[in-house]
Protein backbone atom coordinates (compact mmCIF):
# COMPACT_ATOMS: atom_id res chain seq x y z
CA MET A 1 0.00 0.00 0.00
CA ALA A 2 2.83 2.38 0.88
CA LYS A 3 4.54 1.59 -2.41
CA LYS A 4 1.36 2.47 -4.36
CA THR A 5 1.07 5.82 -2.58
CA ARG A 6 4.71 6.62 -3.26
CA LYS A 7 4.17 5.78 -6.94
CA LYS A 8 1.16 8.15 -7.18
CA SER A 9 3.15 10.90 -5.49
CA SER A 10 6.04 10.43 -7.86
CA LEU A 11 3.60 10.92 -10.79
CA ILE A 12 1.84 13.99 -9.32
CA ILE A 13 5.02 15.99 -8.67
CA PRO A 14 6.24 16.02 -12.32
CA GLN A 15 2.71 16.91 -13.49
CA PHE A 16 2.58 19.79 -11.01
CA ILE A 17 5.97 21.04 -12.15
CA LEU A 18 4.81 20.77 -15.77
CA LEU A 19 1.71 22.82 -14.97
CA LEU A 20 3.87 25.42 -13.24
CA LEU A 21 6.13 25.60 -16.26
CA ILE A 22 3.18 25.96 -18.62
CA ALA A 23 1.60 28.65 -16.41
CA GLY A 24 4.91 30.45 -16.06
CA SER A 25 5.46 30.34 -19.78
CA GLY A 26 1.95 31.72 -20.33
CA VAL A 27 2.50 34.56 -17.87
CA TYR A 28 5.86 35.29 -19.47
CA TRP A 29 4.33 35.35 -22.94
CA VAL A 30 1.40 37.58 -21.89
CA THR A 31 3.81 39.91 -20.09
CA LYS A 32 5.99 40.04 -23.19
CA GLN A 33 2.99 40.89 -25.35
CA ILE A 34 1.79 43.69 -23.02
CA ASN A 35 5.25 45.27 -22.99
CA GLN A 36 6.19 44.78 -26.63
CA ARG A 37 6.21 48.02 -28.59
CA VAL A 38 4.35 48.16 -31.89
CA SER A 39 4.85 50.59 -34.77
CA HIS A 40 1.59 51.85 -36.27
CA GLN A 41 0.20 54.35 -38.78
CA SER A 42 -2.12 56.21 -36.40
CA ALA A 43 0.55 58.31 -34.69
CA ARG A 44 -0.35 61.44 -36.64
CA ARG A 45 -4.08 61.11 -36.03
CA VAL A 46 -6.24 61.90 -33.04
CA VAL A 47 -8.04 58.79 -31.78
CA THR A 48 -11.25 59.52 -29.91
CA ILE A 49 -12.38 57.17 -27.15
CA THR A 50 -16.08 57.81 -26.68
CA PRO A 51 -17.58 58.10 -23.19
CA GLY A 52 -19.02 54.85 -21.82
CA SER A 53 -16.68 52.56 -23.77
CA SER A 54 -15.76 49.35 -21.94
CA GLN A 55 -12.22 48.02 -21.68
CA GLN A 56 -12.95 45.42 -24.32
CA GLN A 57 -14.50 47.99 -26.68
CA ILE A 58 -11.45 50.23 -26.26
CA LEU A 59 -9.17 47.27 -26.93
CA ARG A 60 -11.07 46.49 -30.14
CA GLN A 61 -10.74 50.12 -31.23
CA LEU A 62 -7.00 50.13 -30.55
CA ASP A 63 -6.74 46.95 -32.58
CA GLN A 64 -8.66 48.50 -35.49
CA GLU A 65 -6.34 51.52 -35.38
CA GLY A 66 -3.30 49.21 -35.52
CA ILE A 67 -2.04 50.48 -32.15
CA VAL A 68 -2.11 46.99 -30.62
CA ARG A 69 -1.84 43.53 -32.15
CA THR A 70 -2.87 40.04 -31.00
CA THR A 71 -5.68 41.20 -28.73
CA TRP A 72 -6.47 37.96 -26.91
CA PRO A 73 -3.38 37.98 -24.63
CA LEU A 74 -4.21 41.60 -23.83
CA ARG A 75 -7.74 40.56 -22.89
CA ILE A 76 -6.24 38.02 -20.49
CA TRP A 77 -3.93 40.67 -19.01
CA LEU A 78 -6.79 43.16 -18.55
CA ARG A 79 -9.00 40.56 -16.87
CA THR A 80 -6.17 39.33 -14.64
CA PHE A 81 -4.14 42.43 -13.79
CA GLY A 82 -6.04 45.41 -15.18
CA ARG A 83 -9.54 44.76 -13.91
CA ASN A 84 -9.53 48.00 -11.86
CA LEU A 85 -7.74 50.02 -14.52
CA ARG A 86 -9.95 53.00 -15.48
CA LEU A 87 -9.49 53.87 -19.15
CA LYS A 88 -10.78 57.41 -19.72
CA ALA A 89 -12.67 58.77 -22.70
CA GLY A 90 -11.24 61.61 -24.76
CA ASP A 91 -8.98 62.47 -27.68
CA TYR A 92 -5.57 60.80 -27.71
CA ARG A 93 -2.41 60.75 -29.75
CA PHE A 94 -0.57 57.42 -29.48
CA PRO A 95 3.13 57.73 -30.35
CA SER A 96 4.72 55.09 -32.56
CA PRO A 97 6.08 52.67 -31.51
CA ILE A 98 4.07 52.11 -28.33
CA SER A 99 3.42 49.08 -26.14
CA PRO A 100 -0.07 48.07 -25.02
CA ARG A 101 0.91 48.80 -21.41
CA GLU A 102 2.01 52.33 -22.38
CA ALA A 103 -1.24 52.82 -24.31
CA PHE A 104 -3.29 51.70 -21.29
CA GLU A 105 -1.29 53.97 -18.99
CA LEU A 106 -1.88 56.90 -21.31
CA LEU A 107 -5.60 56.18 -21.26
CA SER A 108 -5.74 55.69 -17.48
CA ARG A 109 -3.98 59.04 -16.91
CA GLY A 110 -6.45 60.74 -19.21
CA GLN A 111 -3.52 62.27 -21.09
CA VAL A 112 -5.76 63.61 -23.82
CA ALA A 113 -4.60 65.35 -26.98
CA THR A 114 -5.76 68.95 -27.18
CA ARG A 115 -6.26 71.48 -29.93
CA THR A 116 -6.13 75.24 -29.57
CA LEU A 117 -8.25 78.18 -30.59
CA THR A 118 -7.36 81.85 -30.20
CA ILE A 119 -9.70 84.71 -29.40
CA PRO A 120 -7.90 87.95 -30.33
CA GLU A 121 -8.08 91.03 -28.15
CA GLY A 122 -10.86 93.37 -29.22
CA TYR A 123 -13.21 90.70 -30.54
CA ASN A 124 -16.86 91.24 -29.61
CA ARG A 125 -19.40 88.49 -29.07
CA TYR A 126 -20.37 88.48 -32.75
CA ASP A 127 -16.74 87.85 -33.71
CA ILE A 128 -16.37 85.17 -31.03
CA ALA A 129 -19.54 83.43 -32.24
CA ARG A 130 -17.97 83.16 -35.71
CA VAL A 131 -14.80 81.63 -34.23
CA LEU A 132 -16.78 79.11 -32.19
CA ALA A 133 -18.92 78.18 -35.20
CA ASP A 134 -15.78 77.34 -37.21
CA ILE A 135 -14.01 75.19 -34.60
CA PRO A 136 -12.94 71.99 -36.38
CA GLY A 137 -13.55 68.56 -34.95
CA LEU A 138 -16.15 69.21 -32.27
CA ARG A 139 -18.61 66.34 -31.90
CA GLU A 140 -21.58 68.42 -30.79
CA ALA A 141 -24.68 67.02 -32.46
CA THR A 142 -26.37 70.37 -33.15
CA PRO A 143 -25.08 72.22 -36.23
CA ALA A 144 -23.72 75.62 -35.25
CA THR A 145 -24.08 78.98 -36.96
CA PRO A 146 -22.73 82.28 -35.61
CA GLU A 147 -26.31 83.50 -35.15
CA SER A 148 -27.39 80.43 -33.17
CA LEU A 149 -24.31 80.62 -30.94
CA LEU A 150 -25.08 84.16 -29.75
CA THR A 151 -27.41 82.59 -27.18
CA LEU A 152 -24.33 81.11 -25.46
CA PHE A 153 -23.51 84.64 -24.30
CA ASP A 154 -26.96 85.32 -22.86
CA ARG A 155 -25.96 83.98 -19.45
CA PRO A 156 -25.34 87.02 -17.22
CA GLN A 157 -25.75 84.75 -14.19
CA LEU A 158 -22.13 83.65 -14.79
CA ILE A 159 -20.93 87.15 -13.89
CA ALA A 160 -23.76 88.40 -11.66
CA ASP A 161 -21.37 88.86 -8.73
CA LEU A 162 -18.98 90.93 -10.87
CA ASP A 163 -21.54 92.90 -12.83
CA PRO A 164 -25.13 92.84 -11.55
CA GLN A 165 -26.19 95.07 -14.48
CA ALA A 166 -24.94 92.72 -17.17
CA THR A 167 -27.50 91.38 -19.63
CA ASN A 168 -24.95 89.23 -21.48
CA LEU A 169 -21.28 88.20 -21.30
CA GLU A 170 -19.88 90.92 -23.56
CA GLY A 171 -16.57 92.16 -22.17
CA TYR A 172 -16.11 89.19 -19.84
CA LEU A 173 -15.01 86.65 -22.50
CA PHE A 174 -11.29 87.00 -21.99
CA PRO A 175 -9.22 87.02 -25.21
CA ASP A 176 -6.59 84.30 -25.08
CA THR A 177 -5.54 80.95 -26.56
CA TYR A 178 -7.60 78.05 -25.24
CA GLU A 179 -7.21 74.28 -25.41
CA TYR A 180 -10.08 71.98 -26.27
CA THR A 181 -10.78 68.44 -27.40
CA THR A 182 -13.40 67.10 -29.79
CA LEU A 183 -15.51 66.21 -26.75
CA THR A 184 -15.45 69.80 -25.45
CA THR A 185 -18.68 71.75 -25.92
CA ARG A 186 -18.86 75.36 -27.03
CA SER A 187 -20.71 76.16 -23.83
CA GLU A 188 -17.73 74.85 -21.84
CA ILE A 189 -15.37 77.03 -23.87
CA VAL A 190 -17.47 80.11 -23.06
CA GLU A 191 -17.42 79.24 -19.35
CA THR A 192 -13.63 78.80 -19.52
CA MET A 193 -13.29 82.26 -21.07
CA VAL A 194 -15.34 83.80 -18.26
CA ASN A 195 -13.27 81.97 -15.65
CA ARG A 196 -10.08 83.25 -17.30
CA PHE A 197 -11.42 86.81 -17.01
CA ARG A 198 -12.01 86.25 -13.30
CA ARG A 199 -8.37 85.24 -12.83
CA VAL A 200 -7.05 88.16 -14.89
CA PHE A 201 -9.19 90.76 -13.13
CA ASP A 202 -7.32 90.07 -9.92
CA ASP A 203 -7.19 91.74 -6.50
CA ASP A 204 -4.78 94.43 -7.73
CA LEU A 205 -7.19 95.55 -10.46
CA ARG A 206 -10.16 95.40 -8.09
CA ARG A 207 -8.31 97.47 -5.51
CA LYS A 208 -7.42 100.09 -8.13
CA SER A 209 -11.04 100.15 -9.32
CA THR A 210 -12.18 100.92 -5.78
CA GLU A 211 -9.57 103.69 -5.44
CA LEU A 212 -10.86 105.38 -8.61
CA GLY A 213 -14.49 104.90 -7.59
CA MET A 214 -15.22 102.79 -10.68
CA SER A 215 -17.34 99.66 -10.82
CA ILE A 216 -16.00 96.60 -12.59
CA ARG A 217 -18.55 97.23 -15.35
CA GLN A 218 -17.25 100.78 -15.86
CA VAL A 219 -13.63 99.61 -15.94
CA VAL A 220 -14.37 96.84 -18.44
CA THR A 221 -16.47 99.17 -20.62
CA LEU A 222 -13.72 101.80 -20.73
CA ALA A 223 -11.10 99.10 -21.36
CA THR A 224 -13.05 97.88 -24.40
CA LEU A 225 -12.98 101.38 -25.91
CA ILE A 226 -9.22 101.58 -25.33
CA GLU A 227 -8.77 98.10 -26.81
CA LYS A 228 -10.64 99.02 -29.98
CA GLU A 229 -8.88 102.37 -30.43
CA ALA A 230 -5.28 101.44 -29.56
CA ARG A 231 -3.12 99.97 -32.28
CA VAL A 232 0.19 100.83 -30.64
CA ASP A 233 0.66 99.43 -27.15
CA ARG A 234 2.40 102.48 -25.70
CA GLU A 235 -0.65 104.65 -26.53
CA ARG A 236 -3.13 102.78 -24.35
CA GLU A 237 -2.54 104.99 -21.30
CA LEU A 238 -2.68 108.13 -23.49
CA ILE A 239 -6.04 107.12 -24.99
CA SER A 240 -7.22 106.28 -21.49
CA ALA A 241 -6.23 109.79 -20.36
CA VAL A 242 -8.29 111.38 -23.17
CA PHE A 243 -11.36 109.35 -22.23
CA HIS A 244 -10.95 110.04 -18.51
CA ARG A 245 -10.75 113.79 -19.15
CA ARG A 246 -13.78 113.70 -21.44
CA LEU A 247 -15.74 111.81 -18.79
CA ARG A 248 -14.78 114.36 -16.14
CA GLU A 249 -15.80 117.27 -18.36
CA ASN A 250 -18.95 115.52 -19.63
CA VAL A 251 -17.72 115.77 -23.22
CA PRO A 252 -18.95 113.03 -25.62
CA LEU A 253 -16.28 110.38 -26.05
CA ALA A 254 -16.78 110.39 -29.85
CA CYS A 255 -15.42 106.84 -30.11
CA ASP A 256 -15.93 105.31 -33.55
CA PRO A 257 -15.97 101.68 -32.31
CA THR A 258 -19.05 102.45 -30.20
CA VAL A 259 -20.83 103.72 -33.33
CA ILE A 260 -19.95 100.49 -35.10
CA TYR A 261 -21.23 98.46 -32.15
CA ALA A 262 -24.51 100.41 -32.16
CA SER A 263 -24.85 99.58 -35.86
CA LEU A 264 -24.16 95.90 -35.14
CA LEU A 265 -26.89 95.85 -32.51
CA ALA A 266 -29.26 97.37 -35.05
CA ASN A 267 -28.09 94.86 -37.67
CA ARG A 268 -27.19 97.78 -39.91
CA TYR A 269 -23.40 97.77 -40.01
CA ARG A 270 -22.12 97.93 -43.62
CA GLY A 271 -18.37 97.60 -43.17
CA LYS A 272 -17.64 101.28 -42.51
CA ILE A 273 -19.20 104.23 -40.73
CA TYR A 274 -21.78 106.27 -42.64
CA ARG A 275 -23.48 109.53 -41.69
CA SER A 276 -26.61 107.56 -40.79
CA ASP A 277 -24.53 105.58 -38.28
CA LEU A 278 -23.26 108.75 -36.61
CA ASP A 279 -26.83 110.05 -36.42
CA ARG A 280 -28.27 106.81 -35.02
CA GLU A 281 -30.14 107.18 -31.74
CA SER A 282 -28.45 104.60 -29.53
CA PRO A 283 -27.04 104.68 -26.01
CA TYR A 284 -23.90 103.17 -27.58
CA ASN A 285 -23.44 106.11 -29.97
CA THR A 286 -20.86 108.15 -28.05
CA TYR A 287 -21.03 110.96 -30.63
CA ARG A 288 -24.56 111.73 -29.48
CA GLN A 289 -24.41 110.53 -25.86
CA ALA A 290 -21.99 111.82 -23.23
CA GLY A 291 -20.43 109.39 -20.77
CA LEU A 292 -19.60 105.73 -21.14
CA PRO A 293 -21.81 103.51 -23.28
CA PRO A 294 -24.18 101.27 -21.28
CA GLY A 295 -21.77 98.33 -21.30
CA PRO A 296 -18.68 96.73 -22.86
CA ILE A 297 -18.40 96.53 -26.64
CA ALA A 298 -15.65 93.90 -26.97
CA SER A 299 -13.20 91.68 -25.08
CA PRO A 300 -10.34 93.70 -23.55
CA GLY A 301 -6.93 92.23 -22.82
CA ARG A 302 -5.02 92.70 -19.57
CA ARG A 303 -3.10 95.73 -20.90
CA SER A 304 -6.29 97.62 -21.75
CA LEU A 305 -7.80 96.80 -18.35
CA GLU A 306 -4.65 98.17 -16.72
CA ALA A 307 -4.69 101.26 -18.94
CA ALA A 308 -8.32 102.00 -18.05
CA LEU A 309 -7.22 102.22 -14.42
CA ASN A 310 -3.92 104.02 -15.04
CA PRO A 311 -4.43 106.96 -17.43
CA ALA A 312 -1.27 108.83 -18.41
CA PRO A 313 -0.66 112.13 -16.53
CA VAL A 314 -1.46 114.32 -19.57
CA ASP A 315 -4.16 116.87 -20.47
CA TYR A 316 -4.98 115.57 -23.93
CA LEU A 317 -8.59 115.91 -24.99
CA TYR A 318 -8.33 114.81 -28.65
CA PHE A 319 -6.61 112.20 -30.79
CA VAL A 320 -6.70 111.29 -34.45
CA VAL A 321 -5.09 108.46 -36.43
CA ASP A 322 -1.83 109.58 -38.01
CA VAL A 323 -2.40 108.46 -41.60
CA THR A 324 1.15 109.45 -42.55
CA LYS A 325 2.29 106.34 -40.69
CA ASN A 326 1.28 102.76 -41.24
CA ASP A 327 1.40 101.64 -37.62
CA GLY A 328 -2.00 102.87 -36.45
CA SER A 329 -0.52 105.48 -34.10
CA HIS A 330 -2.30 108.72 -33.22
CA LEU A 331 -1.65 112.43 -32.91
CA PHE A 332 -2.79 113.82 -29.54
CA SER A 333 -3.87 117.38 -28.78
CA THR A 334 -4.96 119.35 -25.73
CA ARG A 335 -6.76 122.23 -27.49
CA SER A 336 -9.49 122.08 -30.11
CA ALA A 337 -7.56 124.42 -32.44
CA ASP A 338 -4.51 122.16 -32.33
CA HIS A 339 -6.63 119.10 -33.05
CA GLU A 340 -8.37 120.75 -36.01
CA ALA A 341 -5.01 121.86 -37.40
CA ALA A 342 -3.67 118.31 -37.06
CA VAL A 343 -6.73 116.92 -38.87
CA ARG A 344 -6.25 119.43 -41.72
CA ARG A 345 -2.57 118.53 -42.10
CA LEU A 346 -3.38 114.83 -42.17
CA ARG A 347 -6.09 115.32 -44.79
CA GLU A 348 -3.77 117.38 -46.97
CA SER A 349 -1.06 114.74 -46.65
CA GLU A 350 -3.56 112.04 -47.53
CA GLN A 351 -4.72 113.98 -50.63
CA LYS A 352 -1.11 114.46 -51.82
CA SER A 353 -0.40 110.75 -51.50
CA LYS A 354 -3.32 109.82 -53.77
């Protein structure tokens, strides 16, 4: 009986060792597959993992894109070692070559590929709506037109604490370069722009606003006029000084960009200012109305916000574009007679050049 037991034991041990060898070889092979880098043709493309995709669905997609090969050992690895691995949706760029483990790590980190869009300083909400309508690659189901996107800016609740008088987001959509993915919505981009404004209009600017007795709305409105008028950075504080003096003396600001904005609101802007635009009855027409317009007319950058709060220590009351230069700079004057003389000289120079 003892001999029979010893014989069975002698058979079991080699079988057990064989099973261990087979299992070890399998683990080694699966591990090799998960760590083996693969060259693929999708490196230059953005691969979008849609929300709600399971691990197995993501694996199939990676296989279809050529990013991984021989999926069944990867299925085993995911079920054995990667069961709790959270693969996140989004846009991704997978470098080539890449191993399946590296691809999974990239997905678990949510290291998404981003694109950028730029909102230039001085754009108003009509301009921004056109930019948002033309963003490539967004997966929003609803077709977008600039006109339909204007409703995105009708959310004054986003800035109610900053500007209780606001009826829309004009002036608070900070001009900058923003990152997005194809899963980003235009509404999210707008909210990001507002949040960027909040960070830019920091405690220093708020403190200066309080010192000058200006509300945030007044500062932003004045900054938008400076942004639209200034073409040379060093002139921002000079233009600010002209507007500040005109406000003190209750002289109309006579700011052409406000006339254009009034025409836009009336859906009557024709590419340049006509007499009918200057005569238009609108609270935004600063040729006919003294004081600031009722609200911002564009998106000011940080420099224009700073200039609105830091006018240059000069007595200028007038400025006109110096057409003899091609840099958009202005000639500034303190007296009406000097301004009129400057305008005459510029007109004569312009006539001679034709």
